[in-house]
Amino acid sequence: MTELIPILQTQFNGAEINSVNARDLHAVLESKYQFADWIKTRLDEVDAIENIDYIIVSEKSETMSEAGRKASIKKEYILTIDIAKEIAMLERNEVGKKVRRYFIEFEKRAKKPLNQLDFLQMQLNVMRQHDERITAIEDKHRKDERRFRNLENTAKRDEELKEYTTAVGFGILKGISLDKKQCQRLGTKASKLSREAGVLIVTIPDQKHGKVGTYRHDILEKAFNALNFNIEIGV
């Protein structure tokens, strides 16, 4: 059989299995996409799990330029034959089909009769890989759930912060002009009321003062009424 793509022997979780370098697969598939973008997209599309369906090997390389020698780290993705077959089919063209058939034919030729011990070992490897895959999928789901909860909390917090403003901003919203001393008194009172009510005080950066506190609008309204400023609203 004419070699279409080099088949490697790689250690995956203590077992030596047939594998391919993703760069070789990318080249033989004649993909028009940049390798780094292509491999990340394809691995995501086939739900590949690192250390089960593929491993990443970092290789240090050096290049010469006018500025001198430059070191860089290149990531090599080593794929199992099974995941490489799935990626090949995603190309949805004749080249992808040809590569997939090549992998299938290689596996047929590589198969040999197993004695009972080898068969049992193979079964154990399959069971272990299955358990590892289930664990990896569950871990991924937990991470996705945490990420989703964080997004929900961030959205909720952003919505709540719409109700917050500074003492100066509160005066503008009410159409009144507060001087510096009145703003300080309003902020101090709002801080006290917020702490008493267990309401969050949010500090934001300010060009003039470095940092200023923002308070919930209803807290500022309560503080403003309590201070009884002699100000006409709308002036």
Protein backbone atom coordinates (compact mmCIF):
# COMPACT_ATOMS: atom_id res chain seq x y z
CA MET A 1 0.00 0.00 0.00
CA THR A 2 1.44 3.36 -1.05
CA GLU A 3 1.97 5.65 1.93
CA LEU A 4 -0.42 8.58 1.82
CA ILE A 5 0.40 9.98 5.25
CA PRO A 6 3.00 8.84 7.82
CA ILE A 7 1.56 6.62 10.58
CA LEU A 8 3.25 7.09 13.94
CA GLN A 9 3.46 4.91 17.04
CA THR A 10 2.63 7.09 20.04
CA GLN A 11 2.11 6.47 23.74
CA PHE A 12 -1.44 7.38 24.80
CA ASN A 13 -2.12 6.71 28.50
CA GLY A 14 0.50 3.99 28.67
CA ALA A 15 -0.58 2.22 25.47
CA GLU A 16 1.23 2.50 22.15
CA ILE A 17 -1.26 3.21 19.37
CA ASN A 18 -1.29 4.24 15.73
CA SER A 19 -1.44 7.99 15.27
CA VAL A 20 -0.76 10.83 12.85
CA ASN A 21 0.68 14.30 13.12
CA ALA A 22 -2.10 16.84 12.54
CA ARG A 23 0.21 18.94 10.37
CA ASP A 24 0.67 15.99 8.01
CA LEU A 25 -3.10 15.49 7.92
CA HIS A 26 -3.64 19.20 7.25
CA ALA A 27 -1.18 19.07 4.36
CA VAL A 28 -2.56 15.93 2.69
CA LEU A 29 -6.13 17.24 3.00
CA GLU A 30 -4.97 20.38 1.16
CA SER A 31 -6.91 22.62 3.53
CA LYS A 32 -6.98 26.31 2.62
CA TYR A 33 -7.17 27.37 6.26
CA GLN A 34 -4.23 28.26 8.50
CA PHE A 35 -3.17 25.20 10.48
CA ALA A 36 -3.62 26.75 13.95
CA ASP A 37 -7.21 27.82 13.20
CA TRP A 38 -8.04 24.62 11.32
CA ILE A 39 -6.94 22.16 13.99
CA LYS A 40 -8.68 23.99 16.86
CA THR A 41 -11.92 24.20 14.88
CA ARG A 42 -11.81 20.56 13.76
CA LEU A 43 -11.04 19.22 17.25
CA ASP A 44 -13.97 21.18 18.61
CA GLU A 45 -16.28 19.93 15.83
CA VAL A 46 -15.53 16.27 16.53
CA ASP A 47 -15.67 16.75 20.34
CA ALA A 48 -12.11 15.49 20.67
CA ILE A 49 -10.73 15.15 24.20
CA GLU A 50 -7.11 15.93 24.96
CA ASN A 51 -4.98 12.99 26.13
CA ILE A 52 -7.60 10.57 24.83
CA ASP A 53 -8.17 11.52 21.19
CA TYR A 54 -5.06 13.64 20.81
CA ILE A 55 -2.03 14.91 22.66
CA ILE A 56 -0.12 18.17 22.31
CA VAL A 57 3.65 18.11 22.09
CA SER A 58 5.52 21.42 22.39
CA GLU A 59 8.69 21.64 20.35
CA LYS A 60 11.26 24.40 20.69
CA SER A 61 12.69 25.70 17.43
CA GLU A 62 15.11 28.43 16.43
CA THR A 63 15.16 30.63 13.35
CA MET A 64 17.79 33.04 12.08
CA SER A 65 16.99 36.60 11.02
CA GLU A 66 18.82 39.87 10.56
CA ALA A 67 18.18 40.60 14.24
CA GLY A 68 19.83 37.31 15.23
CA ARG A 69 18.63 33.97 16.50
CA LYS A 70 15.01 33.78 17.60
CA ALA A 71 13.55 30.95 19.68
CA SER A 72 9.91 29.90 19.41
CA ILE A 73 7.63 27.14 20.68
CA LYS A 74 5.66 25.12 18.12
CA LYS A 75 2.73 22.94 19.15
CA GLU A 76 2.37 19.56 17.46
CA TYR A 77 -1.00 17.84 17.66
CA ILE A 78 -0.76 14.03 17.55
CA LEU A 79 -4.10 12.45 16.67
CA THR A 80 -5.40 8.95 17.11
CA ILE A 81 -6.36 7.25 13.84
CA ASP A 82 -10.02 7.22 14.89
CA ILE A 83 -10.19 10.98 15.41
CA ALA A 84 -8.12 11.59 12.28
CA LYS A 85 -10.74 9.66 10.27
CA GLU A 86 -13.51 11.88 11.66
CA ILE A 87 -11.56 15.04 10.85
CA ALA A 88 -10.86 13.81 7.31
CA MET A 89 -14.59 13.30 6.69
CA LEU A 90 -15.34 16.87 7.80
CA GLU A 91 -13.56 18.12 4.68
CA ARG A 92 -16.56 16.78 2.73
CA ASN A 93 -14.61 16.18 -0.47
CA GLU A 94 -12.92 13.37 -2.35
CA VAL A 95 -9.56 13.98 -0.69
CA GLY A 96 -11.16 13.56 2.75
CA LYS A 97 -12.81 10.30 1.65
CA LYS A 98 -9.52 9.05 0.21
CA VAL A 99 -7.65 9.77 3.46
CA ARG A 100 -10.35 8.06 5.53
CA ARG A 101 -10.20 4.94 3.30
CA TYR A 102 -6.42 4.96 3.66
CA PHE A 103 -6.71 4.86 7.46
CA ILE A 104 -9.26 2.02 7.30
CA GLU A 105 -7.07 -0.01 4.94
CA PHE A 106 -4.02 0.57 7.15
CA GLU A 107 -5.87 -0.70 10.21
CA LYS A 108 -7.01 -3.82 8.34
CA ARG A 109 -3.46 -4.66 7.34
CA ALA A 110 -2.09 -3.90 10.79
CA LYS A 111 -4.48 -6.29 12.51
CA LYS A 112 -3.09 -9.62 13.65
CA PRO A 113 -4.60 -12.59 15.52
CA LEU A 114 -4.60 -12.03 19.27
CA ASN A 115 -3.91 -14.62 21.91
CA GLN A 116 -6.16 -14.69 24.97
CA LEU A 117 -3.84 -12.50 27.07
CA ASP A 118 -3.55 -9.84 24.36
CA PHE A 119 -7.31 -9.91 23.86
CA LEU A 120 -7.96 -9.38 27.57
CA GLN A 121 -5.43 -6.55 27.64
CA MET A 122 -7.11 -4.94 24.66
CA GLN A 123 -10.48 -5.18 26.40
CA LEU A 124 -9.06 -3.60 29.53
CA ASN A 125 -7.57 -0.77 27.47
CA VAL A 126 -10.93 -0.16 25.78
CA MET A 127 -12.72 -0.09 29.14
CA ARG A 128 -10.13 2.26 30.62
CA GLN A 129 -10.34 4.59 27.62
CA HIS A 130 -14.12 4.56 27.87
CA ASP A 131 -13.99 5.49 31.57
CA GLU A 132 -11.44 8.23 30.87
CA ARG A 133 -13.61 9.62 28.07
CA ILE A 134 -16.70 9.68 30.32
CA THR A 135 -14.72 11.42 33.07
CA ALA A 136 -13.33 13.96 30.60
CA ILE A 137 -16.81 14.67 29.19
CA GLU A 138 -18.23 15.11 32.70
CA ASP A 139 -15.36 17.49 33.57
CA LYS A 140 -16.04 19.46 30.39
CA HIS A 141 -19.73 19.69 31.23
CA ARG A 142 -18.93 20.92 34.75
CA LYS A 143 -16.60 23.59 33.33
CA ASP A 144 -19.25 24.64 30.82
CA GLU A 145 -21.83 24.88 33.61
CA ARG A 146 -19.48 27.01 35.74
CA ARG A 147 -18.75 29.23 32.75
CA PHE A 148 -22.47 29.62 32.08
CA ARG A 149 -23.20 30.46 35.72
CA ASN A 150 -20.42 33.05 35.68
CA LEU A 151 -21.91 34.63 32.58
CA GLU A 152 -25.34 34.66 34.22
CA ASN A 153 -23.91 36.26 37.37
CA THR A 154 -22.03 38.85 35.31
CA ALA A 155 -25.19 39.71 33.34
CA LYS A 156 -27.17 39.97 36.58
CA ARG A 157 -24.52 42.17 38.16
CA ASP A 158 -24.40 44.42 35.08
CA GLU A 159 -28.17 44.78 35.25
CA GLU A 160 -28.04 45.64 38.96
CA LEU A 161 -25.27 48.21 38.39
CA LYS A 162 -27.61 50.17 36.12
CA GLU A 163 -29.35 51.20 39.36
CA TYR A 164 -26.10 52.63 40.77
CA THR A 165 -24.72 56.15 40.47
CA THR A 166 -22.43 58.59 42.27
CA ALA A 167 -23.56 61.45 44.47
CA VAL A 168 -22.79 63.89 41.64
CA GLY A 169 -24.67 61.71 39.15
CA PHE A 170 -27.65 61.55 41.50
CA GLY A 171 -27.81 65.35 41.57
CA ILE A 172 -27.73 65.52 37.79
CA LEU A 173 -30.53 62.94 37.51
CA LYS A 174 -32.68 64.98 39.90
CA GLY A 175 -31.87 68.24 38.14
CA ILE A 176 -30.15 69.82 41.12
CA SER A 177 -26.69 71.25 41.65
CA LEU A 178 -24.78 69.83 44.61
CA ASP A 179 -21.55 71.48 45.73
CA LYS A 180 -18.50 69.47 46.78
CA LYS A 181 -19.37 69.47 50.48
CA GLN A 182 -22.95 68.38 49.83
CA CYS A 183 -21.73 65.54 47.59
CA GLN A 184 -19.37 64.38 50.33
CA ARG A 185 -22.16 64.44 52.93
CA LEU A 186 -24.52 62.61 50.56
CA GLY A 187 -21.88 59.96 49.84
CA THR A 188 -21.12 59.50 53.54
CA LYS A 189 -24.80 59.12 54.39
CA ALA A 190 -25.38 56.73 51.47
CA SER A 191 -22.42 54.61 52.60
CA LYS A 192 -23.85 54.34 56.11
CA LEU A 193 -27.33 53.44 54.87
CA SER A 194 -25.91 50.88 52.44
CA ARG A 195 -23.91 49.15 55.18
CA GLU A 196 -26.92 49.11 57.49
CA ALA A 197 -29.09 47.57 54.76
CA GLY A 198 -26.40 45.15 53.59
CA VAL A 199 -26.42 46.75 50.14
CA LEU A 200 -23.33 46.61 47.93
CA ILE A 201 -21.24 49.76 47.50
CA VAL A 202 -19.40 49.77 44.17
CA THR A 203 -16.15 51.69 43.82
CA ILE A 204 -15.26 52.92 40.34
CA PRO A 205 -12.16 54.73 38.99
CA ASP A 206 -12.35 58.51 38.69
CA GLN A 207 -9.86 60.75 36.88
CA LYS A 208 -10.12 63.57 39.39
CA HIS A 209 -10.41 61.71 42.69
CA GLY A 210 -8.82 58.35 41.85
CA LYS A 211 -11.80 56.33 43.08
CA VAL A 212 -15.38 57.21 44.00
CA GLY A 213 -18.23 55.24 45.47
CA THR A 214 -21.45 54.51 43.65
CA TYR A 215 -24.67 53.72 45.46
CA ARG A 216 -28.04 52.30 44.62
CA HIS A 217 -30.44 55.01 43.50
CA ASP A 218 -33.02 54.28 46.23
CA ILE A 219 -30.29 54.51 48.90
CA LEU A 220 -29.18 57.89 47.55
CA GLU A 221 -32.78 59.08 47.51
CA LYS A 222 -33.20 58.04 51.15
CA ALA A 223 -29.91 59.71 52.12
CA PHE A 224 -30.85 62.87 50.25
CA ASN A 225 -34.21 63.10 52.03
CA ALA A 226 -32.59 62.44 55.41
CA LEU A 227 -30.04 65.23 54.94
CA ASN A 228 -32.84 67.66 54.05
CA PHE A 229 -30.71 69.83 51.79
CA ASN A 230 -32.28 73.25 51.23
CA ILE A 231 -32.25 72.90 47.43
CA GLU A 232 -34.96 73.53 44.91
CA ILE A 233 -35.27 70.68 42.42
CA GLY A 234 -35.20 71.74 38.78
CA VAL A 235 -33.07 74.87 39.36
